[in-house]
Amino acid sequence: MDRFNLDYVEMMLPRFEGVKTVLDVGALDVNGTPREAVTQRGFEYTGCDVEKGRGVDVVVDITADFAQVDRAFAGRRFDAVMSLNTLEHIFDPIKALDNMLALVRPGGYLLVVAPCVWELHAWPYDFYRLNPDFFTRFAETRRLEIVEGSFLMAARDTRRFSPDTQSFPEEVPSGRLPRPSRWLFTALRGILLPGLKQCWPRTSVNVTCRTRAKTD
């Protein structure tokens, strides 16, 4: 979990209404965890993954039959379920998302961060890159509300968020340089590497959905 993923979590946590319990799917602490950010707000944090390890409270395959998933959590439902850079490693991401939704109480939240431009990183497999249209269609077909202002693209190198989900950020290898230095960098690159194709920076889609509240 990169720092810019945590930026998004910390941005959204204060906006959650009525949240006390949070489930993190794909919680094995490989390069960071949102546990502290969640517990510092007074929320109860539970981490699950397919194998035991640091940060994992419940071992379960989130794509298993839901009856099996439900037993692993002893029938618990959570106010918010999050998945940070996990879906690309799951062969059936739609089944995973549907099971996550089934673990969210009525009126609760589903927060997802998933890379859409990224190099291969098998852990142990790397299957997908999911784009904004995927999450738009998923929300539509599951009758979910996308929380206003939560649907963003995030560029890792600059840790900047953009509400423009229809175009990838521009190339950012020099994004941390002062503007005059970036101009010089661009000019020299054009002279020294005229055949270099433009590439996009490592970019993630960030979206938070809310389930429909139960009505009497």
N, C-alpha and C. Protein backbone atom coordinates (compact mmCIF):
# COMPACT_ATOMS: atom_id res chain seq x y z
N MET A 1 0.84 -1.19 0.00
CA MET A 1 0.00 0.00 0.00
C MET A 1 0.87 1.24 0.00
N ASP A 2 0.83 1.99 -1.07
CA ASP A 2 1.62 3.21 -1.16
C ASP A 2 1.01 4.33 -0.32
N ARG A 3 1.84 5.32 -0.05
CA ARG A 3 1.39 6.43 0.77
C ARG A 3 0.19 7.15 0.13
N PHE A 4 0.17 7.22 -1.20
CA PHE A 4 -0.94 7.95 -1.82
C PHE A 4 -2.25 7.18 -1.70
N ASN A 5 -2.19 5.85 -1.51
CA ASN A 5 -3.41 5.11 -1.19
C ASN A 5 -3.93 5.51 0.18
N LEU A 6 -3.00 5.65 1.13
CA LEU A 6 -3.38 6.07 2.47
C LEU A 6 -3.92 7.49 2.47
N ASP A 7 -3.38 8.34 1.59
CA ASP A 7 -3.92 9.70 1.45
C ASP A 7 -5.42 9.64 1.16
N TYR A 8 -5.80 8.75 0.26
CA TYR A 8 -7.20 8.64 -0.11
C TYR A 8 -8.04 8.12 1.05
N VAL A 9 -7.55 7.12 1.74
CA VAL A 9 -8.27 6.58 2.90
C VAL A 9 -8.47 7.68 3.94
N GLU A 10 -7.41 8.42 4.23
CA GLU A 10 -7.51 9.48 5.24
C GLU A 10 -8.43 10.61 4.78
N MET A 11 -8.54 10.79 3.46
CA MET A 11 -9.46 11.79 2.92
C MET A 11 -10.91 11.38 3.13
N MET A 12 -11.18 10.06 3.00
CA MET A 12 -12.55 9.59 3.02
C MET A 12 -13.05 9.25 4.42
N LEU A 13 -12.20 8.80 5.32
CA LEU A 13 -12.65 8.37 6.64
C LEU A 13 -13.50 9.42 7.36
N PRO A 14 -13.12 10.70 7.34
CA PRO A 14 -13.95 11.69 8.03
C PRO A 14 -15.32 11.89 7.40
N ARG A 15 -15.50 11.42 6.18
CA ARG A 15 -16.77 11.60 5.49
C ARG A 15 -17.74 10.43 5.72
N PHE A 16 -17.25 9.38 6.35
CA PHE A 16 -18.11 8.23 6.62
C PHE A 16 -19.10 8.57 7.72
N GLU A 17 -20.36 8.27 7.49
CA GLU A 17 -21.41 8.55 8.47
C GLU A 17 -21.80 7.25 9.18
N GLY A 18 -21.80 7.30 10.50
CA GLY A 18 -22.26 6.15 11.28
C GLY A 18 -21.36 4.95 11.24
N VAL A 19 -20.08 5.14 10.91
CA VAL A 19 -19.15 4.02 10.79
C VAL A 19 -18.46 3.74 12.12
N LYS A 20 -18.47 2.48 12.52
CA LYS A 20 -17.74 2.04 13.72
C LYS A 20 -16.81 0.87 13.40
N THR A 21 -17.17 0.08 12.39
CA THR A 21 -16.37 -1.11 12.06
C THR A 21 -15.90 -1.05 10.61
N VAL A 22 -14.64 -1.40 10.38
CA VAL A 22 -14.05 -1.35 9.04
C VAL A 22 -13.36 -2.68 8.75
N LEU A 23 -13.63 -3.24 7.59
CA LEU A 23 -12.96 -4.45 7.12
C LEU A 23 -12.03 -4.08 5.98
N ASP A 24 -10.79 -4.52 6.04
CA ASP A 24 -9.80 -4.30 4.99
C ASP A 24 -9.52 -5.63 4.31
N VAL A 25 -9.89 -5.74 3.03
CA VAL A 25 -9.71 -6.97 2.27
C VAL A 25 -8.39 -6.89 1.51
N GLY A 26 -7.50 -7.85 1.79
CA GLY A 26 -6.15 -7.80 1.23
C GLY A 26 -5.22 -7.10 2.19
N ALA A 27 -5.33 -7.45 3.47
CA ALA A 27 -4.69 -6.68 4.54
C ALA A 27 -3.28 -7.12 4.88
N LEU A 28 -2.77 -8.18 4.27
CA LEU A 28 -1.42 -8.62 4.59
C LEU A 28 -0.45 -7.45 4.43
N ASP A 29 0.29 -7.15 5.49
CA ASP A 29 1.15 -5.96 5.52
C ASP A 29 2.43 -6.25 4.75
N VAL A 30 2.40 -5.92 3.46
CA VAL A 30 3.58 -6.08 2.61
C VAL A 30 4.37 -4.79 2.56
N ASN A 31 3.66 -3.67 2.36
CA ASN A 31 4.34 -2.37 2.29
C ASN A 31 3.50 -1.28 2.94
N GLY A 32 2.82 -1.64 4.02
CA GLY A 32 2.02 -0.65 4.73
C GLY A 32 0.59 -1.12 4.92
N THR A 33 -0.11 -0.46 5.82
CA THR A 33 -1.48 -0.84 6.17
C THR A 33 -2.24 0.38 6.67
N PRO A 34 -3.55 0.46 6.43
CA PRO A 34 -4.35 1.57 6.93
C PRO A 34 -4.83 1.37 8.36
N ARG A 35 -4.37 0.30 9.02
CA ARG A 35 -4.89 -0.02 10.35
C ARG A 35 -4.82 1.18 11.30
N GLU A 36 -3.66 1.82 11.38
CA GLU A 36 -3.50 2.92 12.33
C GLU A 36 -4.40 4.09 11.98
N ALA A 37 -4.51 4.41 10.69
CA ALA A 37 -5.38 5.51 10.28
C ALA A 37 -6.82 5.25 10.68
N VAL A 38 -7.24 3.98 10.59
CA VAL A 38 -8.62 3.61 10.94
C VAL A 38 -8.83 3.65 12.45
N THR A 39 -7.93 3.04 13.19
CA THR A 39 -8.12 2.95 14.65
C THR A 39 -7.95 4.30 15.33
N GLN A 40 -7.14 5.19 14.74
CA GLN A 40 -6.98 6.51 15.34
C GLN A 40 -8.27 7.31 15.32
N ARG A 41 -9.17 6.97 14.43
CA ARG A 41 -10.46 7.65 14.38
C ARG A 41 -11.48 6.96 15.29
N GLY A 42 -11.04 5.94 16.02
CA GLY A 42 -11.93 5.25 16.94
C GLY A 42 -12.72 4.14 16.31
N PHE A 43 -12.38 3.77 15.06
CA PHE A 43 -13.09 2.69 14.38
C PHE A 43 -12.41 1.36 14.72
N GLU A 44 -13.20 0.30 14.70
CA GLU A 44 -12.65 -1.05 14.88
C GLU A 44 -12.17 -1.57 13.53
N TYR A 45 -10.94 -2.03 13.46
CA TYR A 45 -10.34 -2.49 12.21
C TYR A 45 -10.19 -4.00 12.21
N THR A 46 -10.61 -4.63 11.11
CA THR A 46 -10.39 -6.05 10.89
C THR A 46 -9.73 -6.22 9.53
N GLY A 47 -8.64 -6.98 9.49
CA GLY A 47 -7.96 -7.24 8.23
C GLY A 47 -8.11 -8.68 7.81
N CYS A 48 -8.39 -8.92 6.53
CA CYS A 48 -8.48 -10.30 6.05
C CYS A 48 -7.63 -10.48 4.81
N ASP A 49 -7.19 -11.71 4.59
CA ASP A 49 -6.40 -12.05 3.40
C ASP A 49 -6.47 -13.56 3.21
N VAL A 50 -5.87 -14.04 2.12
CA VAL A 50 -5.94 -15.47 1.82
C VAL A 50 -4.90 -16.27 2.59
N GLU A 51 -3.99 -15.60 3.28
CA GLU A 51 -2.98 -16.30 4.05
C GLU A 51 -2.69 -15.57 5.35
N LYS A 52 -2.15 -16.32 6.31
CA LYS A 52 -1.79 -15.73 7.58
C LYS A 52 -0.60 -14.79 7.40
N GLY A 53 -0.50 -13.82 8.30
CA GLY A 53 0.63 -12.91 8.25
C GLY A 53 0.33 -11.65 9.03
N ARG A 54 1.31 -10.76 9.04
CA ARG A 54 1.16 -9.51 9.78
C ARG A 54 0.00 -8.70 9.21
N GLY A 55 -0.88 -8.26 10.09
CA GLY A 55 -2.03 -7.46 9.68
C GLY A 55 -3.28 -8.25 9.36
N VAL A 56 -3.18 -9.58 9.37
CA VAL A 56 -4.32 -10.43 8.99
C VAL A 56 -5.00 -10.97 10.24
N ASP A 57 -6.28 -10.64 10.40
CA ASP A 57 -7.08 -11.14 11.52
C ASP A 57 -7.93 -12.34 11.12
N VAL A 58 -8.38 -12.35 9.87
CA VAL A 58 -9.24 -13.42 9.37
C VAL A 58 -8.64 -13.93 8.05
N VAL A 59 -8.45 -15.24 7.96
CA VAL A 59 -7.96 -15.84 6.73
C VAL A 59 -9.15 -16.37 5.94
N VAL A 60 -9.33 -15.85 4.72
CA VAL A 60 -10.45 -16.27 3.89
C VAL A 60 -10.18 -15.88 2.45
N ASP A 61 -10.66 -16.68 1.53
CA ASP A 61 -10.63 -16.35 0.11
C ASP A 61 -11.90 -15.57 -0.20
N ILE A 62 -11.76 -14.29 -0.51
CA ILE A 62 -12.92 -13.42 -0.69
C ILE A 62 -13.72 -13.81 -1.93
N THR A 63 -13.18 -14.68 -2.80
CA THR A 63 -13.93 -15.13 -3.97
C THR A 63 -14.58 -16.50 -3.76
N ALA A 64 -14.49 -17.03 -2.55
CA ALA A 64 -15.14 -18.31 -2.26
C ALA A 64 -16.66 -18.13 -2.26
N ASP A 65 -17.37 -19.24 -2.22
CA ASP A 65 -18.82 -19.18 -2.07
C ASP A 65 -19.14 -18.33 -0.85
N PHE A 66 -20.17 -17.45 -0.96
CA PHE A 66 -20.38 -16.50 0.13
C PHE A 66 -20.71 -17.18 1.45
N ALA A 67 -21.32 -18.34 1.41
CA ALA A 67 -21.60 -19.05 2.67
C ALA A 67 -20.30 -19.32 3.43
N GLN A 68 -19.26 -19.66 2.69
CA GLN A 68 -17.96 -19.91 3.31
C GLN A 68 -17.35 -18.60 3.84
N VAL A 69 -17.46 -17.53 3.06
CA VAL A 69 -16.97 -16.23 3.50
C VAL A 69 -17.72 -15.78 4.75
N ASP A 70 -19.03 -15.96 4.72
CA ASP A 70 -19.87 -15.55 5.85
C ASP A 70 -19.48 -16.29 7.13
N ARG A 71 -19.18 -17.59 7.00
CA ARG A 71 -18.76 -18.36 8.18
C ARG A 71 -17.43 -17.86 8.73
N ALA A 72 -16.53 -17.46 7.85
CA ALA A 72 -15.23 -16.97 8.30
C ALA A 72 -15.38 -15.73 9.18
N PHE A 73 -16.41 -14.94 8.91
CA PHE A 73 -16.65 -13.73 9.70
C PHE A 73 -17.76 -13.93 10.74
N ALA A 74 -18.19 -15.17 10.91
CA ALA A 74 -19.23 -15.51 11.89
C ALA A 74 -20.47 -14.65 11.71
N GLY A 75 -20.81 -14.38 10.46
CA GLY A 75 -22.03 -13.63 10.17
C GLY A 75 -21.94 -12.13 10.39
N ARG A 76 -20.76 -11.62 10.70
CA ARG A 76 -20.62 -10.18 10.96
C ARG A 76 -20.84 -9.37 9.69
N ARG A 77 -21.34 -8.15 9.87
CA ARG A 77 -21.44 -7.18 8.80
C ARG A 77 -20.68 -5.93 9.25
N PHE A 78 -20.13 -5.22 8.30
CA PHE A 78 -19.26 -4.09 8.60
C PHE A 78 -19.84 -2.79 8.07
N ASP A 79 -19.54 -1.70 8.76
CA ASP A 79 -20.00 -0.39 8.31
C ASP A 79 -19.28 0.07 7.06
N ALA A 80 -18.03 -0.36 6.91
CA ALA A 80 -17.25 -0.02 5.72
C ALA A 80 -16.31 -1.17 5.39
N VAL A 81 -16.22 -1.47 4.10
CA VAL A 81 -15.27 -2.47 3.61
C VAL A 81 -14.36 -1.77 2.61
N MET A 82 -13.06 -1.96 2.74
CA MET A 82 -12.11 -1.34 1.81
C MET A 82 -11.20 -2.38 1.19
N SER A 83 -10.74 -2.05 -0.01
CA SER A 83 -9.81 -2.91 -0.73
C SER A 83 -8.80 -2.00 -1.42
N LEU A 84 -7.54 -2.11 -1.02
CA LEU A 84 -6.50 -1.21 -1.52
C LEU A 84 -5.48 -1.99 -2.34
N ASN A 85 -5.48 -1.75 -3.65
CA ASN A 85 -4.53 -2.40 -4.55
C ASN A 85 -4.52 -3.93 -4.37
N THR A 86 -5.72 -4.49 -4.36
CA THR A 86 -5.88 -5.93 -4.20
C THR A 86 -6.57 -6.58 -5.39
N LEU A 87 -7.52 -5.89 -5.99
CA LEU A 87 -8.35 -6.50 -7.03
C LEU A 87 -7.55 -6.99 -8.23
N GLU A 88 -6.43 -6.34 -8.55
CA GLU A 88 -5.67 -6.77 -9.72
C GLU A 88 -5.02 -8.14 -9.52
N HIS A 89 -4.94 -8.57 -8.25
CA HIS A 89 -4.34 -9.86 -7.93
C HIS A 89 -5.39 -10.97 -7.78
N ILE A 90 -6.66 -10.64 -8.00
CA ILE A 90 -7.76 -11.59 -7.83
C ILE A 90 -8.32 -11.97 -9.20
N PHE A 91 -8.36 -13.26 -9.49
CA PHE A 91 -8.77 -13.71 -10.82
C PHE A 91 -10.23 -13.36 -11.12
N ASP A 92 -11.07 -13.29 -10.12
CA ASP A 92 -12.48 -12.96 -10.31
C ASP A 92 -12.83 -11.72 -9.49
N PRO A 93 -12.44 -10.53 -9.97
CA PRO A 93 -12.66 -9.33 -9.17
C PRO A 93 -14.13 -8.99 -8.95
N ILE A 94 -14.99 -9.36 -9.90
CA ILE A 94 -16.42 -9.06 -9.71
C ILE A 94 -16.99 -9.91 -8.58
N LYS A 95 -16.62 -11.19 -8.53
CA LYS A 95 -17.08 -12.03 -7.42
C LYS A 95 -16.55 -11.48 -6.10
N ALA A 96 -15.30 -11.03 -6.10
CA ALA A 96 -14.73 -10.46 -4.88
C ALA A 96 -15.51 -9.23 -4.44
N LEU A 97 -15.82 -8.34 -5.38
CA LEU A 97 -16.55 -7.13 -5.03
C LEU A 97 -17.97 -7.46 -4.55
N ASP A 98 -18.61 -8.42 -5.19
CA ASP A 98 -19.96 -8.80 -4.75
C ASP A 98 -19.93 -9.37 -3.33
N ASN A 99 -18.92 -10.17 -3.02
CA ASN A 99 -18.81 -10.70 -1.66
C ASN A 99 -18.50 -9.59 -0.66
N MET A 100 -17.68 -8.64 -1.06
CA MET A 100 -17.41 -7.50 -0.18
C MET A 100 -18.70 -6.73 0.10
N LEU A 101 -19.49 -6.52 -0.94
CA LEU A 101 -20.77 -5.81 -0.76
C LEU A 101 -21.69 -6.56 0.19
N ALA A 102 -21.67 -7.88 0.10
CA ALA A 102 -22.53 -8.68 0.97
C ALA A 102 -22.11 -8.56 2.43
N LEU A 103 -20.89 -8.12 2.67
CA LEU A 103 -20.40 -7.94 4.04
C LEU A 103 -20.64 -6.53 4.57
N VAL A 104 -21.16 -5.65 3.71
CA VAL A 104 -21.44 -4.26 4.12
C VAL A 104 -22.87 -4.17 4.63
N ARG A 105 -23.04 -3.56 5.77
CA ARG A 105 -24.39 -3.36 6.30
C ARG A 105 -25.16 -2.39 5.40
N PRO A 106 -26.49 -2.40 5.43
CA PRO A 106 -27.27 -1.41 4.67
C PRO A 106 -26.87 0.01 5.05
N GLY A 107 -26.62 0.83 4.06
CA GLY A 107 -26.20 2.20 4.31
C GLY A 107 -24.71 2.34 4.53
N GLY A 108 -23.96 1.23 4.42
CA GLY A 108 -22.51 1.27 4.64
C GLY A 108 -21.75 1.57 3.36
N TYR A 109 -20.43 1.49 3.46
CA TYR A 109 -19.55 1.97 2.39
C TYR A 109 -18.65 0.87 1.85
N LEU A 110 -18.31 1.00 0.57
CA LEU A 110 -17.31 0.17 -0.08
C LEU A 110 -16.28 1.11 -0.70
N LEU A 111 -15.05 1.04 -0.20
CA LEU A 111 -13.97 1.91 -0.68
C LEU A 111 -12.96 1.06 -1.42
N VAL A 112 -12.64 1.46 -2.66
CA VAL A 112 -11.73 0.68 -3.49
C VAL A 112 -10.66 1.57 -4.10
N VAL A 113 -9.43 1.10 -4.04
CA VAL A 113 -8.32 1.69 -4.80
C VAL A 113 -7.76 0.58 -5.66
N ALA A 114 -7.65 0.82 -6.98
CA ALA A 114 -7.14 -0.21 -7.89
C ALA A 114 -6.30 0.45 -8.97
N PRO A 115 -5.13 -0.12 -9.29
CA PRO A 115 -4.29 0.47 -10.34
C PRO A 115 -4.89 0.29 -11.72
N CYS A 116 -4.78 1.31 -12.56
CA CYS A 116 -5.20 1.17 -13.95
C CYS A 116 -4.03 1.37 -14.91
N VAL A 117 -2.93 2.00 -14.46
CA VAL A 117 -1.69 2.07 -15.23
C VAL A 117 -0.56 1.70 -14.28
N TRP A 118 0.04 0.54 -14.49
CA TRP A 118 1.03 0.06 -13.52
C TRP A 118 1.84 -1.06 -14.17
N GLU A 119 3.09 -1.18 -13.77
CA GLU A 119 3.89 -2.30 -14.26
C GLU A 119 3.40 -3.60 -13.64
N LEU A 120 3.79 -4.72 -14.23
CA LEU A 120 3.42 -6.01 -13.68
C LEU A 120 4.04 -6.19 -12.30
N HIS A 121 3.25 -6.69 -11.38
CA HIS A 121 3.75 -6.93 -10.02
C HIS A 121 3.02 -8.13 -9.44
N ALA A 122 3.47 -9.30 -9.80
CA ALA A 122 2.81 -10.53 -9.36
C ALA A 122 2.97 -10.73 -7.86
N TRP A 123 1.83 -10.98 -7.18
CA TRP A 123 1.88 -11.24 -5.74
C TRP A 123 0.79 -12.23 -5.34
N PRO A 124 0.82 -13.48 -5.67
CA PRO A 124 1.80 -14.08 -6.58
C PRO A 124 1.40 -13.94 -8.05
N TYR A 125 0.20 -13.37 -8.32
CA TYR A 125 -0.27 -13.19 -9.69
C TYR A 125 -0.71 -11.75 -9.88
N ASP A 126 -0.74 -11.34 -11.14
CA ASP A 126 -1.19 -9.99 -11.49
C ASP A 126 -2.07 -10.13 -12.73
N PHE A 127 -3.41 -10.03 -12.54
CA PHE A 127 -4.35 -10.37 -13.60
C PHE A 127 -4.91 -9.18 -14.37
N TYR A 128 -5.18 -8.06 -13.69
CA TYR A 128 -6.03 -7.04 -14.30
C TYR A 128 -5.52 -5.62 -14.05
N ARG A 129 -6.01 -4.72 -14.93
CA ARG A 129 -5.99 -3.29 -14.67
C ARG A 129 -7.44 -2.82 -14.87
N LEU A 130 -8.02 -2.23 -13.84
CA LEU A 130 -9.43 -1.85 -13.87
C LEU A 130 -9.54 -0.35 -14.05
N ASN A 131 -10.34 0.06 -15.01
CA ASN A 131 -10.48 1.47 -15.37
C ASN A 131 -11.75 2.07 -14.78
N PRO A 132 -11.87 3.39 -14.82
CA PRO A 132 -13.05 4.04 -14.21
C PRO A 132 -14.38 3.52 -14.71
N ASP A 133 -14.49 3.22 -16.01
CA ASP A 133 -15.77 2.74 -16.53
C ASP A 133 -16.20 1.43 -15.87
N PHE A 134 -15.24 0.61 -15.47
CA PHE A 134 -15.58 -0.63 -14.76
C PHE A 134 -16.33 -0.31 -13.47
N PHE A 135 -15.82 0.63 -12.70
CA PHE A 135 -16.43 0.95 -11.41
C PHE A 135 -17.75 1.69 -11.59
N THR A 136 -17.87 2.50 -12.65
CA THR A 136 -19.14 3.16 -12.94
C THR A 136 -20.21 2.12 -13.23
N ARG A 137 -19.88 1.14 -14.09
CA ARG A 137 -20.85 0.11 -14.44
C ARG A 137 -21.17 -0.79 -13.25
N PHE A 138 -20.16 -1.11 -12.45
CA PHE A 138 -20.41 -1.94 -11.28
C PHE A 138 -21.39 -1.25 -10.33
N ALA A 139 -21.19 0.05 -10.10
CA ALA A 139 -22.09 0.79 -9.22
C ALA A 139 -23.51 0.82 -9.78
N GLU A 140 -23.62 1.01 -11.09
CA GLU A 140 -24.94 1.07 -11.72
C GLU A 140 -25.67 -0.26 -11.59
N THR A 141 -24.98 -1.36 -11.86
CA THR A 141 -25.64 -2.66 -11.86
C THR A 141 -25.94 -3.16 -10.46
N ARG A 142 -25.25 -2.61 -9.45
CA ARG A 142 -25.51 -3.02 -8.06
C ARG A 142 -26.32 -1.96 -7.31
N ARG A 143 -26.79 -0.96 -8.02
CA ARG A 143 -27.61 0.11 -7.44
C ARG A 143 -26.90 0.76 -6.26
N LEU A 144 -25.64 1.09 -6.49
CA LEU A 144 -24.85 1.76 -5.46
C LEU A 144 -24.75 3.25 -5.77
N GLU A 145 -24.64 4.02 -4.73
CA GLU A 145 -24.42 5.46 -4.87
C GLU A 145 -22.92 5.72 -4.78
N ILE A 146 -22.34 6.35 -5.81
CA ILE A 146 -20.94 6.76 -5.72
C ILE A 146 -20.90 8.06 -4.92
N VAL A 147 -20.17 8.03 -3.83
CA VAL A 147 -20.13 9.18 -2.93
C VAL A 147 -19.55 10.38 -3.69
N GLU A 148 -20.25 11.51 -3.60
CA GLU A 148 -19.84 12.70 -4.33
C GLU A 148 -18.40 13.10 -3.98
N GLY A 149 -17.61 13.38 -5.00
CA GLY A 149 -16.25 13.82 -4.79
C GLY A 149 -15.27 12.72 -4.44
N SER A 150 -15.73 11.45 -4.52
CA SER A 150 -14.86 10.34 -4.12
C SER A 150 -14.27 9.59 -5.30
N PHE A 151 -14.75 9.86 -6.51
CA PHE A 151 -14.33 9.13 -7.70
C PHE A 151 -13.18 9.90 -8.34
N LEU A 152 -11.95 9.42 -8.14
CA LEU A 152 -10.77 10.18 -8.51
C LEU A 152 -9.72 9.29 -9.17
N MET A 153 -8.86 9.93 -9.96
CA MET A 153 -7.65 9.28 -10.45
C MET A 153 -6.49 9.82 -9.60
N ALA A 154 -5.55 8.96 -9.28
CA ALA A 154 -4.42 9.37 -8.45
C ALA A 154 -3.11 8.95 -9.12
N ALA A 155 -2.21 9.91 -9.30
CA ALA A 155 -0.88 9.63 -9.85
C ALA A 155 0.09 9.41 -8.71
N ARG A 156 0.74 8.26 -8.72
CA ARG A 156 1.59 7.89 -7.60
C ARG A 156 2.75 8.88 -7.40
N ASP A 157 3.42 9.26 -8.50
CA ASP A 157 4.64 10.04 -8.36
C ASP A 157 4.41 11.41 -7.74
N THR A 158 3.26 12.00 -8.00
CA THR A 158 2.97 13.33 -7.46
C THR A 158 2.01 13.29 -6.28
N ARG A 159 1.35 12.13 -6.06
CA ARG A 159 0.32 12.00 -5.01
C ARG A 159 -0.79 13.02 -5.21
N ARG A 160 -1.08 13.31 -6.47
CA ARG A 160 -2.14 14.25 -6.79
C ARG A 160 -3.37 13.51 -7.25
N PHE A 161 -4.53 14.00 -6.81
CA PHE A 161 -5.80 13.42 -7.20
C PHE A 161 -6.46 14.30 -8.25
N SER A 162 -7.15 13.66 -9.19
CA SER A 162 -7.87 14.40 -10.23
C SER A 162 -9.28 13.85 -10.36
N PRO A 163 -10.28 14.73 -10.44
CA PRO A 163 -11.66 14.27 -10.65
C PRO A 163 -11.93 13.89 -12.10
N ASP A 164 -10.96 14.13 -12.99
CA ASP A 164 -11.12 13.76 -14.40
C ASP A 164 -10.83 12.28 -14.55
N THR A 165 -11.89 11.48 -14.63
CA THR A 165 -11.72 10.02 -14.72
C THR A 165 -11.80 9.52 -16.16
N GLN A 166 -11.81 10.45 -17.13
CA GLN A 166 -11.89 10.05 -18.53
C GLN A 166 -10.56 10.20 -19.27
N SER A 167 -9.52 10.66 -18.58
CA SER A 167 -8.21 10.74 -19.21
C SER A 167 -7.14 10.51 -18.16
N PHE A 168 -6.07 9.85 -18.58
CA PHE A 168 -4.98 9.58 -17.66
C PHE A 168 -4.15 10.85 -17.46
N PRO A 169 -3.50 10.99 -16.32
CA PRO A 169 -2.60 12.12 -16.11
C PRO A 169 -1.50 12.13 -17.16
N GLU A 170 -0.95 13.31 -17.41
CA GLU A 170 0.15 13.42 -18.37
C GLU A 170 1.41 12.81 -17.78
N GLU A 171 2.39 12.64 -18.65
CA GLU A 171 3.65 12.05 -18.23
C GLU A 171 4.26 12.85 -17.09
N VAL A 172 4.76 12.18 -16.06
CA VAL A 172 5.24 12.88 -14.88
C VAL A 172 6.63 12.43 -14.42
N PRO A 173 7.56 12.04 -15.28
CA PRO A 173 8.87 11.66 -14.75
C PRO A 173 9.60 12.82 -14.13
N SER A 174 9.26 14.05 -14.56
CA SER A 174 9.91 15.24 -14.02
C SER A 174 8.97 16.04 -13.15
N GLY A 175 7.89 15.41 -12.69
CA GLY A 175 6.83 16.14 -12.01
C GLY A 175 7.26 16.81 -10.72
N ARG A 176 8.34 16.34 -10.10
CA ARG A 176 8.76 16.93 -8.84
C ARG A 176 9.74 18.08 -9.03
N LEU A 177 10.13 18.34 -10.29
CA LEU A 177 11.08 19.42 -10.55
C LEU A 177 10.37 20.76 -10.61
N PRO A 178 11.06 21.85 -10.29
CA PRO A 178 10.47 23.19 -10.48
C PRO A 178 10.12 23.39 -11.95
N ARG A 179 9.17 24.27 -12.24
CA ARG A 179 8.68 24.43 -13.61
C ARG A 179 9.79 24.74 -14.62
N PRO A 180 10.73 25.68 -14.38
CA PRO A 180 11.80 25.92 -15.37
C PRO A 180 12.62 24.66 -15.65
N SER A 181 12.87 23.86 -14.61
CA SER A 181 13.63 22.63 -14.81
C SER A 181 12.85 21.62 -15.64
N ARG A 182 11.52 21.58 -15.46
CA ARG A 182 10.71 20.67 -16.26
C ARG A 182 10.76 21.06 -17.73
N TRP A 183 10.71 22.39 -18.00
CA TRP A 183 10.81 22.84 -19.40
C TRP A 183 12.13 22.40 -20.01
N LEU A 184 13.23 22.57 -19.27
CA LEU A 184 14.54 22.19 -19.77
C LEU A 184 14.61 20.67 -19.98
N PHE A 185 14.05 19.93 -19.02
CA PHE A 185 14.03 18.47 -19.13
C PHE A 185 13.30 18.04 -20.39
N THR A 186 12.16 18.66 -20.65
CA THR A 186 11.35 18.30 -21.82
C THR A 186 12.10 18.62 -23.11
N ALA A 187 12.75 19.79 -23.14
CA ALA A 187 13.49 20.19 -24.34
C ALA A 187 14.65 19.24 -24.62
N LEU A 188 15.43 18.91 -23.59
CA LEU A 188 16.57 18.02 -23.75
C LEU A 188 16.13 16.62 -24.16
N ARG A 189 15.02 16.17 -23.57
CA ARG A 189 14.53 14.85 -23.93
C ARG A 189 14.16 14.79 -25.40
N GLY A 190 13.54 15.87 -25.90
CA GLY A 190 13.17 15.91 -27.31
C GLY A 190 14.36 15.87 -28.23
N ILE A 191 15.47 16.46 -27.78
CA ILE A 191 16.68 16.49 -28.60
C ILE A 191 17.44 15.17 -28.51
N LEU A 192 17.61 14.68 -27.28
CA LEU A 192 18.44 13.50 -27.06
C LEU A 192 17.69 12.19 -27.31
N LEU A 193 16.37 12.21 -27.07
CA LEU A 193 15.57 10.98 -27.21
C LEU A 193 14.33 11.27 -28.05
N PRO A 194 14.55 11.62 -29.32
CA PRO A 194 13.39 12.03 -30.14
C PRO A 194 12.38 10.92 -30.37
N GLY A 195 12.80 9.65 -30.24
CA GLY A 195 11.88 8.55 -30.48
C GLY A 195 11.16 8.06 -29.25
N LEU A 196 11.41 8.72 -28.10
CA LEU A 196 10.79 8.26 -26.85
C LEU A 196 9.29 8.51 -26.88
N LYS A 197 8.52 7.46 -26.69
CA LYS A 197 7.07 7.60 -26.67
C LYS A 197 6.60 8.13 -25.32
N GLN A 198 5.51 8.86 -25.37
CA GLN A 198 4.95 9.35 -24.11
C GLN A 198 4.40 8.17 -23.32
N CYS A 199 4.61 8.22 -22.02
CA CYS A 199 4.06 7.19 -21.15
C CYS A 199 3.30 7.86 -20.03
N TRP A 200 2.37 7.14 -19.45
CA TRP A 200 1.61 7.67 -18.34
C TRP A 200 2.27 7.25 -17.02
N PRO A 201 2.12 8.05 -16.01
CA PRO A 201 2.66 7.64 -14.70
C PRO A 201 1.80 6.54 -14.10
N ARG A 202 2.33 5.91 -13.09
CA ARG A 202 1.55 4.91 -12.37
C ARG A 202 0.33 5.57 -11.75
N THR A 203 -0.82 5.07 -12.13
CA THR A 203 -2.08 5.75 -11.81
C THR A 203 -3.09 4.76 -11.26
N SER A 204 -3.83 5.19 -10.25
CA SER A 204 -4.88 4.35 -9.65
C SER A 204 -6.23 5.02 -9.78
N VAL A 205 -7.26 4.18 -9.77
CA VAL A 205 -8.64 4.66 -9.66
C VAL A 205 -9.04 4.55 -8.20
N ASN A 206 -9.66 5.59 -7.68
CA ASN A 206 -10.14 5.62 -6.30
C ASN A 206 -11.65 5.89 -6.33
N VAL A 207 -12.42 5.06 -5.66
CA VAL A 207 -13.86 5.27 -5.65
C VAL A 207 -14.44 4.73 -4.35
N THR A 208 -15.43 5.45 -3.83
CA THR A 208 -16.15 4.99 -2.65
C THR A 208 -17.65 4.97 -2.98
N CYS A 209 -18.27 3.83 -2.75
CA CYS A 209 -19.70 3.66 -3.00
C CYS A 209 -20.43 3.47 -1.68
N ARG A 210 -21.70 3.80 -1.70
CA ARG A 210 -22.52 3.60 -0.51
C ARG A 210 -23.73 2.73 -0.87
N THR A 211 -24.00 1.76 -0.01
CA THR A 211 -25.15 0.89 -0.25
C THR A 211 -26.42 1.60 0.17
N ARG A 212 -27.54 1.09 -0.30
CA ARG A 212 -28.81 1.69 0.07
C ARG A 212 -29.14 1.36 1.53
N ALA A 213 -29.59 2.36 2.25
CA ALA A 213 -29.98 2.15 3.64
C ALA A 213 -31.25 1.30 3.70
N LYS A 214 -31.34 0.48 4.71
CA LYS A 214 -32.51 -0.37 4.90
C LYS A 214 -33.69 0.49 5.29
N THR A 215 -34.83 0.28 4.63
CA THR A 215 -36.04 1.03 4.96
C THR A 215 -37.05 0.12 5.62
N ASP A 216 -37.78 0.68 6.55
CA ASP A 216 -38.79 -0.11 7.27
C ASP A 216 -40.05 -0.27 6.43
